[in-house]
Amino acid sequence: MQGPSLAIAVGDSGTIVRWDGAAWSTMTSGTSQSLKAVWGSGPNDVWAAGAGGTLLRYDGARWLPVASGTSSQLNGLMGRSSSEVWAVGDNGTLLRFDGSRWNAETTGTRRVLRGVWAPSSSELWLVGDTAVLHRP
């Protein structure tokens, strides 16, 4: 996640760092799981995802764990708004946040998925190590 005076990066062992326009600082994630992706609709609504189905949400003050419903590693996040966020991961995992909870969706594959892009609310692209999937 980035902006003119805000960037957030994630990494191994629950690492989260934040750029405030002048310096990097470490944030407390509350997890030791490796984090693979970050996305936010704004500075007070940021998601992080990673190993073991880990999902965290930042509310502007702290990172809180959120149930994902999966134990598969989550590798990518993308959102169109705070009430439409997508996560992809190992074993063809595809999750959609509807503004209140995460729901599993079918992809038709068991392949590792690494990225997701939703150009509209009715179109979805998924990309992985050996797959590119399109859902019109």
N, C-alpha and C. Protein backbone atom coordinates (compact mmCIF):
# COMPACT_ATOMS: atom_id res chain seq x y z
N MET A 1 0.86 -1.17 0.00
CA MET A 1 0.00 0.00 0.00
C MET A 1 0.89 1.22 0.00
N GLN A 2 0.53 2.25 -0.79
CA GLN A 2 1.37 3.43 -0.83
C GLN A 2 0.56 4.68 -1.14
N GLY A 3 1.13 5.80 -0.82
CA GLY A 3 0.57 7.11 -1.10
C GLY A 3 1.70 8.11 -0.99
N PRO A 4 1.41 9.40 -1.13
CA PRO A 4 2.48 10.40 -1.09
C PRO A 4 3.23 10.42 0.24
N SER A 5 2.54 10.13 1.33
CA SER A 5 3.22 10.14 2.63
C SER A 5 2.94 8.88 3.43
N LEU A 6 2.52 7.83 2.73
CA LEU A 6 2.25 6.57 3.43
C LEU A 6 2.58 5.40 2.52
N ALA A 7 3.37 4.48 3.04
CA ALA A 7 3.62 3.21 2.38
C ALA A 7 3.73 2.16 3.47
N ILE A 8 3.17 1.00 3.20
CA ILE A 8 3.26 -0.12 4.14
C ILE A 8 3.79 -1.32 3.38
N ALA A 9 4.78 -1.99 3.96
CA ALA A 9 5.37 -3.19 3.37
C ALA A 9 5.32 -4.31 4.41
N VAL A 10 5.21 -5.55 3.92
CA VAL A 10 5.12 -6.71 4.80
C VAL A 10 6.19 -7.72 4.43
N GLY A 11 6.47 -8.66 5.37
CA GLY A 11 7.49 -9.65 5.09
C GLY A 11 7.49 -10.80 6.07
N ASP A 12 8.65 -11.45 6.19
CA ASP A 12 8.82 -12.64 7.01
C ASP A 12 8.51 -12.38 8.48
N SER A 13 8.07 -13.43 9.15
CA SER A 13 7.86 -13.43 10.61
C SER A 13 6.95 -12.30 11.09
N GLY A 14 5.94 -11.97 10.31
CA GLY A 14 4.98 -10.95 10.71
C GLY A 14 5.48 -9.53 10.60
N THR A 15 6.55 -9.32 9.85
CA THR A 15 7.12 -7.97 9.71
C THR A 15 6.18 -7.05 8.96
N ILE A 16 5.92 -5.89 9.55
CA ILE A 16 5.20 -4.80 8.88
C ILE A 16 5.95 -3.51 9.17
N VAL A 17 6.26 -2.79 8.11
CA VAL A 17 6.92 -1.50 8.26
C VAL A 17 6.10 -0.43 7.54
N ARG A 18 6.19 0.79 8.07
CA ARG A 18 5.40 1.90 7.55
C ARG A 18 6.31 3.10 7.26
N TRP A 19 6.11 3.69 6.08
CA TRP A 19 6.79 4.91 5.69
C TRP A 19 5.82 6.06 5.91
N ASP A 20 6.23 7.09 6.64
CA ASP A 20 5.35 8.22 6.95
C ASP A 20 5.68 9.47 6.14
N GLY A 21 6.48 9.30 5.11
CA GLY A 21 6.90 10.44 4.29
C GLY A 21 8.30 10.91 4.63
N ALA A 22 8.80 10.48 5.80
CA ALA A 22 10.14 10.90 6.23
C ALA A 22 11.01 9.74 6.68
N ALA A 23 10.39 8.72 7.28
CA ALA A 23 11.17 7.61 7.83
C ALA A 23 10.33 6.34 7.90
N TRP A 24 11.03 5.20 7.92
CA TRP A 24 10.37 3.90 8.11
C TRP A 24 10.28 3.60 9.60
N SER A 25 9.18 2.98 10.01
CA SER A 25 9.02 2.52 11.39
C SER A 25 8.38 1.14 11.38
N THR A 26 8.71 0.36 12.40
CA THR A 26 8.15 -0.99 12.53
C THR A 26 6.79 -0.90 13.21
N MET A 27 5.85 -1.69 12.69
CA MET A 27 4.52 -1.78 13.29
C MET A 27 4.39 -3.16 13.95
N THR A 28 3.62 -3.25 15.01
CA THR A 28 3.38 -4.53 15.67
C THR A 28 2.22 -5.23 14.96
N SER A 29 2.51 -6.42 14.39
CA SER A 29 1.49 -7.14 13.63
C SER A 29 0.69 -8.11 14.50
N GLY A 30 1.32 -8.61 15.57
CA GLY A 30 0.64 -9.59 16.40
C GLY A 30 0.70 -11.00 15.87
N THR A 31 1.47 -11.23 14.80
CA THR A 31 1.61 -12.58 14.25
C THR A 31 3.08 -12.87 13.98
N SER A 32 3.42 -14.15 14.00
CA SER A 32 4.77 -14.56 13.60
C SER A 32 4.74 -15.20 12.21
N GLN A 33 3.56 -15.27 11.60
CA GLN A 33 3.43 -15.82 10.25
C GLN A 33 4.05 -14.86 9.25
N SER A 34 4.66 -15.41 8.21
CA SER A 34 5.19 -14.58 7.14
C SER A 34 4.04 -13.95 6.37
N LEU A 35 4.17 -12.69 6.07
CA LEU A 35 3.14 -11.96 5.34
C LEU A 35 3.60 -11.76 3.91
N LYS A 36 2.69 -11.96 2.96
CA LYS A 36 3.04 -11.96 1.54
C LYS A 36 2.42 -10.82 0.74
N ALA A 37 1.37 -10.18 1.26
CA ALA A 37 0.66 -9.17 0.49
C ALA A 37 0.05 -8.12 1.41
N VAL A 38 -0.12 -6.92 0.85
CA VAL A 38 -0.75 -5.83 1.58
C VAL A 38 -1.55 -4.98 0.60
N TRP A 39 -2.72 -4.52 1.04
CA TRP A 39 -3.56 -3.63 0.23
C TRP A 39 -4.42 -2.80 1.18
N GLY A 40 -4.69 -1.58 0.80
CA GLY A 40 -5.56 -0.75 1.63
C GLY A 40 -6.37 0.22 0.81
N SER A 41 -7.55 0.54 1.33
CA SER A 41 -8.40 1.54 0.69
C SER A 41 -8.06 2.94 1.19
N GLY A 42 -7.28 3.00 2.29
CA GLY A 42 -6.89 4.27 2.87
C GLY A 42 -6.04 4.01 4.10
N PRO A 43 -5.56 5.06 4.76
CA PRO A 43 -4.64 4.89 5.89
C PRO A 43 -5.27 4.21 7.12
N ASN A 44 -6.59 4.16 7.18
CA ASN A 44 -7.27 3.53 8.32
C ASN A 44 -8.00 2.26 7.94
N ASP A 45 -7.66 1.70 6.78
CA ASP A 45 -8.28 0.45 6.31
C ASP A 45 -7.29 -0.28 5.43
N VAL A 46 -6.41 -1.07 6.07
CA VAL A 46 -5.35 -1.78 5.36
C VAL A 46 -5.42 -3.26 5.72
N TRP A 47 -5.25 -4.11 4.72
CA TRP A 47 -5.23 -5.56 4.90
C TRP A 47 -3.83 -6.10 4.65
N ALA A 48 -3.45 -7.13 5.40
CA ALA A 48 -2.23 -7.90 5.14
C ALA A 48 -2.61 -9.37 5.15
N ALA A 49 -1.94 -10.16 4.30
CA ALA A 49 -2.25 -11.59 4.18
C ALA A 49 -0.97 -12.39 4.07
N GLY A 50 -1.04 -13.68 4.47
CA GLY A 50 0.16 -14.49 4.37
C GLY A 50 -0.03 -15.94 4.73
N ALA A 51 1.03 -16.52 5.28
CA ALA A 51 1.12 -17.96 5.58
C ALA A 51 -0.01 -18.40 6.52
N GLY A 52 -0.42 -19.65 6.34
CA GLY A 52 -1.42 -20.23 7.22
C GLY A 52 -2.79 -19.60 7.12
N GLY A 53 -3.08 -18.91 6.01
CA GLY A 53 -4.36 -18.23 5.86
C GLY A 53 -4.48 -16.96 6.68
N THR A 54 -3.34 -16.43 7.12
CA THR A 54 -3.34 -15.24 7.97
C THR A 54 -3.94 -14.04 7.24
N LEU A 55 -4.87 -13.38 7.91
CA LEU A 55 -5.41 -12.10 7.46
C LEU A 55 -5.40 -11.15 8.64
N LEU A 56 -4.88 -9.95 8.40
CA LEU A 56 -4.85 -8.91 9.42
C LEU A 56 -5.47 -7.66 8.82
N ARG A 57 -6.14 -6.88 9.68
CA ARG A 57 -6.71 -5.61 9.23
C ARG A 57 -6.25 -4.49 10.14
N TYR A 58 -5.77 -3.42 9.53
CA TYR A 58 -5.32 -2.24 10.26
C TYR A 58 -6.43 -1.19 10.24
N ASP A 59 -6.77 -0.68 11.41
CA ASP A 59 -7.86 0.28 11.55
C ASP A 59 -7.37 1.71 11.78
N GLY A 60 -6.10 1.93 11.58
CA GLY A 60 -5.51 3.24 11.82
C GLY A 60 -4.80 3.32 13.15
N ALA A 61 -5.08 2.34 14.03
CA ALA A 61 -4.46 2.33 15.36
C ALA A 61 -3.70 1.04 15.62
N ARG A 62 -4.26 -0.09 15.16
CA ARG A 62 -3.61 -1.38 15.43
C ARG A 62 -4.03 -2.41 14.37
N TRP A 63 -3.20 -3.45 14.26
CA TRP A 63 -3.48 -4.59 13.38
C TRP A 63 -4.26 -5.62 14.17
N LEU A 64 -5.36 -6.10 13.60
CA LEU A 64 -6.20 -7.09 14.26
C LEU A 64 -6.34 -8.32 13.37
N PRO A 65 -6.30 -9.54 13.97
CA PRO A 65 -6.49 -10.75 13.17
C PRO A 65 -7.94 -10.87 12.74
N VAL A 66 -8.14 -11.41 11.53
CA VAL A 66 -9.47 -11.63 10.97
C VAL A 66 -9.52 -13.06 10.45
N ALA A 67 -10.59 -13.77 10.74
CA ALA A 67 -10.74 -15.16 10.28
C ALA A 67 -10.86 -15.20 8.76
N SER A 68 -10.01 -16.03 8.14
CA SER A 68 -10.04 -16.17 6.68
C SER A 68 -10.83 -17.40 6.24
N GLY A 69 -10.95 -18.38 7.12
CA GLY A 69 -11.64 -19.61 6.75
C GLY A 69 -10.77 -20.59 5.99
N THR A 70 -9.47 -20.30 5.87
CA THR A 70 -8.56 -21.21 5.17
C THR A 70 -7.24 -21.30 5.92
N SER A 71 -6.54 -22.40 5.70
CA SER A 71 -5.18 -22.52 6.23
C SER A 71 -4.16 -22.42 5.10
N SER A 72 -4.64 -22.25 3.87
CA SER A 72 -3.74 -22.09 2.73
C SER A 72 -3.03 -20.75 2.79
N GLN A 73 -1.78 -20.74 2.35
CA GLN A 73 -1.04 -19.48 2.29
C GLN A 73 -1.73 -18.53 1.34
N LEU A 74 -1.87 -17.27 1.75
CA LEU A 74 -2.44 -16.23 0.91
C LEU A 74 -1.30 -15.39 0.36
N ASN A 75 -1.27 -15.24 -0.98
CA ASN A 75 -0.14 -14.62 -1.66
C ASN A 75 -0.42 -13.26 -2.27
N GLY A 76 -1.69 -12.92 -2.46
CA GLY A 76 -2.02 -11.67 -3.13
C GLY A 76 -3.31 -11.07 -2.60
N LEU A 77 -3.37 -9.75 -2.63
CA LEU A 77 -4.56 -8.99 -2.21
C LEU A 77 -4.82 -7.89 -3.22
N MET A 78 -6.09 -7.59 -3.42
CA MET A 78 -6.48 -6.47 -4.27
C MET A 78 -7.89 -6.08 -3.89
N GLY A 79 -8.16 -4.80 -3.89
CA GLY A 79 -9.51 -4.36 -3.58
C GLY A 79 -9.98 -3.29 -4.53
N ARG A 80 -11.29 -3.19 -4.64
CA ARG A 80 -11.92 -2.11 -5.40
C ARG A 80 -12.49 -1.06 -4.47
N SER A 81 -12.71 -1.47 -3.21
CA SER A 81 -13.21 -0.56 -2.17
C SER A 81 -13.06 -1.27 -0.84
N SER A 82 -13.42 -0.62 0.24
CA SER A 82 -13.31 -1.26 1.56
C SER A 82 -14.32 -2.39 1.72
N SER A 83 -15.30 -2.49 0.83
CA SER A 83 -16.28 -3.57 0.92
C SER A 83 -16.18 -4.56 -0.24
N GLU A 84 -15.10 -4.48 -1.00
CA GLU A 84 -14.83 -5.47 -2.05
C GLU A 84 -13.33 -5.69 -2.14
N VAL A 85 -12.86 -6.69 -1.39
CA VAL A 85 -11.44 -7.01 -1.34
C VAL A 85 -11.27 -8.48 -1.70
N TRP A 86 -10.27 -8.79 -2.49
CA TRP A 86 -10.00 -10.16 -2.94
C TRP A 86 -8.65 -10.62 -2.40
N ALA A 87 -8.56 -11.92 -2.08
CA ALA A 87 -7.30 -12.55 -1.67
C ALA A 87 -7.15 -13.85 -2.45
N VAL A 88 -5.92 -14.15 -2.89
CA VAL A 88 -5.63 -15.40 -3.58
C VAL A 88 -4.47 -16.09 -2.91
N GLY A 89 -4.40 -17.42 -3.12
CA GLY A 89 -3.31 -18.15 -2.49
C GLY A 89 -3.10 -19.54 -3.03
N ASP A 90 -2.41 -20.34 -2.24
CA ASP A 90 -2.09 -21.71 -2.61
C ASP A 90 -3.37 -22.54 -2.76
N ASN A 91 -3.26 -23.65 -3.49
CA ASN A 91 -4.37 -24.59 -3.69
C ASN A 91 -5.57 -23.95 -4.38
N GLY A 92 -5.33 -22.92 -5.22
CA GLY A 92 -6.42 -22.27 -5.94
C GLY A 92 -7.33 -21.44 -5.05
N THR A 93 -6.83 -21.04 -3.89
CA THR A 93 -7.65 -20.29 -2.94
C THR A 93 -8.03 -18.92 -3.48
N LEU A 94 -9.31 -18.62 -3.41
CA LEU A 94 -9.85 -17.30 -3.76
C LEU A 94 -10.86 -16.92 -2.69
N LEU A 95 -10.61 -15.77 -2.05
CA LEU A 95 -11.50 -15.26 -1.02
C LEU A 95 -11.97 -13.87 -1.40
N ARG A 96 -13.22 -13.56 -1.01
CA ARG A 96 -13.77 -12.22 -1.26
C ARG A 96 -14.33 -11.65 0.04
N PHE A 97 -13.91 -10.44 0.36
CA PHE A 97 -14.45 -9.72 1.52
C PHE A 97 -15.60 -8.85 1.02
N ASP A 98 -16.76 -8.98 1.64
CA ASP A 98 -17.96 -8.28 1.20
C ASP A 98 -18.31 -7.06 2.07
N GLY A 99 -17.37 -6.66 2.89
CA GLY A 99 -17.62 -5.54 3.78
C GLY A 99 -17.85 -5.96 5.21
N SER A 100 -18.20 -7.26 5.40
CA SER A 100 -18.41 -7.75 6.76
C SER A 100 -17.67 -9.05 7.04
N ARG A 101 -17.49 -9.90 6.02
CA ARG A 101 -16.75 -11.15 6.25
C ARG A 101 -16.14 -11.65 4.95
N TRP A 102 -15.16 -12.57 5.12
CA TRP A 102 -14.49 -13.20 3.98
C TRP A 102 -15.26 -14.45 3.58
N ASN A 103 -15.45 -14.65 2.28
CA ASN A 103 -16.15 -15.81 1.74
C ASN A 103 -15.28 -16.50 0.70
N ALA A 104 -15.25 -17.83 0.73
CA ALA A 104 -14.50 -18.61 -0.25
C ALA A 104 -15.27 -18.63 -1.57
N GLU A 105 -14.53 -18.52 -2.67
CA GLU A 105 -15.12 -18.61 -4.00
C GLU A 105 -14.39 -19.70 -4.78
N THR A 106 -15.04 -20.26 -5.77
CA THR A 106 -14.49 -21.35 -6.56
C THR A 106 -13.65 -20.81 -7.71
N THR A 107 -12.48 -21.44 -7.90
CA THR A 107 -11.63 -21.06 -9.03
C THR A 107 -11.53 -22.15 -10.08
N GLY A 108 -11.81 -23.39 -9.70
CA GLY A 108 -11.68 -24.50 -10.63
C GLY A 108 -10.25 -25.00 -10.79
N THR A 109 -9.35 -24.54 -9.93
CA THR A 109 -7.96 -24.99 -9.99
C THR A 109 -7.43 -25.23 -8.59
N ARG A 110 -6.38 -26.05 -8.50
CA ARG A 110 -5.67 -26.27 -7.23
C ARG A 110 -4.26 -25.66 -7.31
N ARG A 111 -4.01 -24.91 -8.34
CA ARG A 111 -2.69 -24.30 -8.56
C ARG A 111 -2.45 -23.15 -7.58
N VAL A 112 -1.19 -22.79 -7.45
CA VAL A 112 -0.80 -21.64 -6.62
C VAL A 112 -1.20 -20.37 -7.36
N LEU A 113 -1.95 -19.52 -6.69
CA LEU A 113 -2.33 -18.21 -7.24
C LEU A 113 -1.55 -17.14 -6.49
N ARG A 114 -1.02 -16.17 -7.23
CA ARG A 114 -0.17 -15.15 -6.63
C ARG A 114 -0.72 -13.73 -6.76
N GLY A 115 -1.57 -13.49 -7.75
CA GLY A 115 -2.08 -12.14 -7.94
C GLY A 115 -3.52 -12.14 -8.39
N VAL A 116 -4.20 -11.03 -8.08
CA VAL A 116 -5.60 -10.88 -8.45
C VAL A 116 -5.82 -9.44 -8.89
N TRP A 117 -6.67 -9.26 -9.91
CA TRP A 117 -7.04 -7.95 -10.38
C TRP A 117 -8.51 -7.97 -10.77
N ALA A 118 -9.27 -7.02 -10.28
CA ALA A 118 -10.69 -6.91 -10.57
C ALA A 118 -10.94 -5.55 -11.22
N PRO A 119 -10.91 -5.49 -12.57
CA PRO A 119 -11.12 -4.21 -13.23
C PRO A 119 -12.54 -3.67 -13.06
N SER A 120 -13.48 -4.56 -12.74
CA SER A 120 -14.86 -4.16 -12.44
C SER A 120 -15.42 -5.15 -11.44
N SER A 121 -16.59 -4.86 -10.91
CA SER A 121 -17.17 -5.78 -9.92
C SER A 121 -17.65 -7.08 -10.54
N SER A 122 -17.70 -7.15 -11.87
CA SER A 122 -18.15 -8.38 -12.53
C SER A 122 -17.03 -9.09 -13.29
N GLU A 123 -15.80 -8.61 -13.20
CA GLU A 123 -14.68 -9.23 -13.93
C GLU A 123 -13.50 -9.44 -12.99
N LEU A 124 -12.86 -10.62 -13.12
CA LEU A 124 -11.76 -10.97 -12.23
C LEU A 124 -10.68 -11.70 -13.01
N TRP A 125 -9.42 -11.30 -12.78
CA TRP A 125 -8.26 -11.97 -13.34
C TRP A 125 -7.43 -12.53 -12.20
N LEU A 126 -6.99 -13.78 -12.33
CA LEU A 126 -6.14 -14.44 -11.35
C LEU A 126 -4.89 -14.93 -12.06
N VAL A 127 -3.73 -14.77 -11.42
CA VAL A 127 -2.49 -15.23 -12.02
C VAL A 127 -1.69 -16.01 -10.98
N GLY A 128 -1.02 -17.06 -11.45
CA GLY A 128 -0.22 -17.88 -10.56
C GLY A 128 1.03 -18.36 -11.23
N ASP A 129 1.69 -19.33 -10.59
CA ASP A 129 2.94 -19.87 -11.12
C ASP A 129 2.75 -20.48 -12.50
N THR A 130 1.65 -21.19 -12.71
CA THR A 130 1.40 -21.87 -13.97
C THR A 130 -0.02 -21.66 -14.46
N ALA A 131 -0.65 -20.54 -14.09
CA ALA A 131 -2.04 -20.33 -14.47
C ALA A 131 -2.35 -18.85 -14.62
N VAL A 132 -3.19 -18.57 -15.61
CA VAL A 132 -3.85 -17.28 -15.74
C VAL A 132 -5.32 -17.59 -15.92
N LEU A 133 -6.15 -17.11 -15.03
CA LEU A 133 -7.58 -17.39 -15.08
C LEU A 133 -8.35 -16.09 -15.23
N HIS A 134 -9.41 -16.14 -16.01
CA HIS A 134 -10.26 -14.95 -16.23
C HIS A 134 -11.69 -15.34 -15.95
N ARG A 135 -12.35 -14.54 -15.14
CA ARG A 135 -13.77 -14.78 -14.85
C ARG A 135 -14.53 -13.51 -15.25
N PRO A 136 -15.22 -13.58 -16.41
CA PRO A 136 -15.98 -12.40 -16.87
C PRO A 136 -17.24 -12.20 -16.04
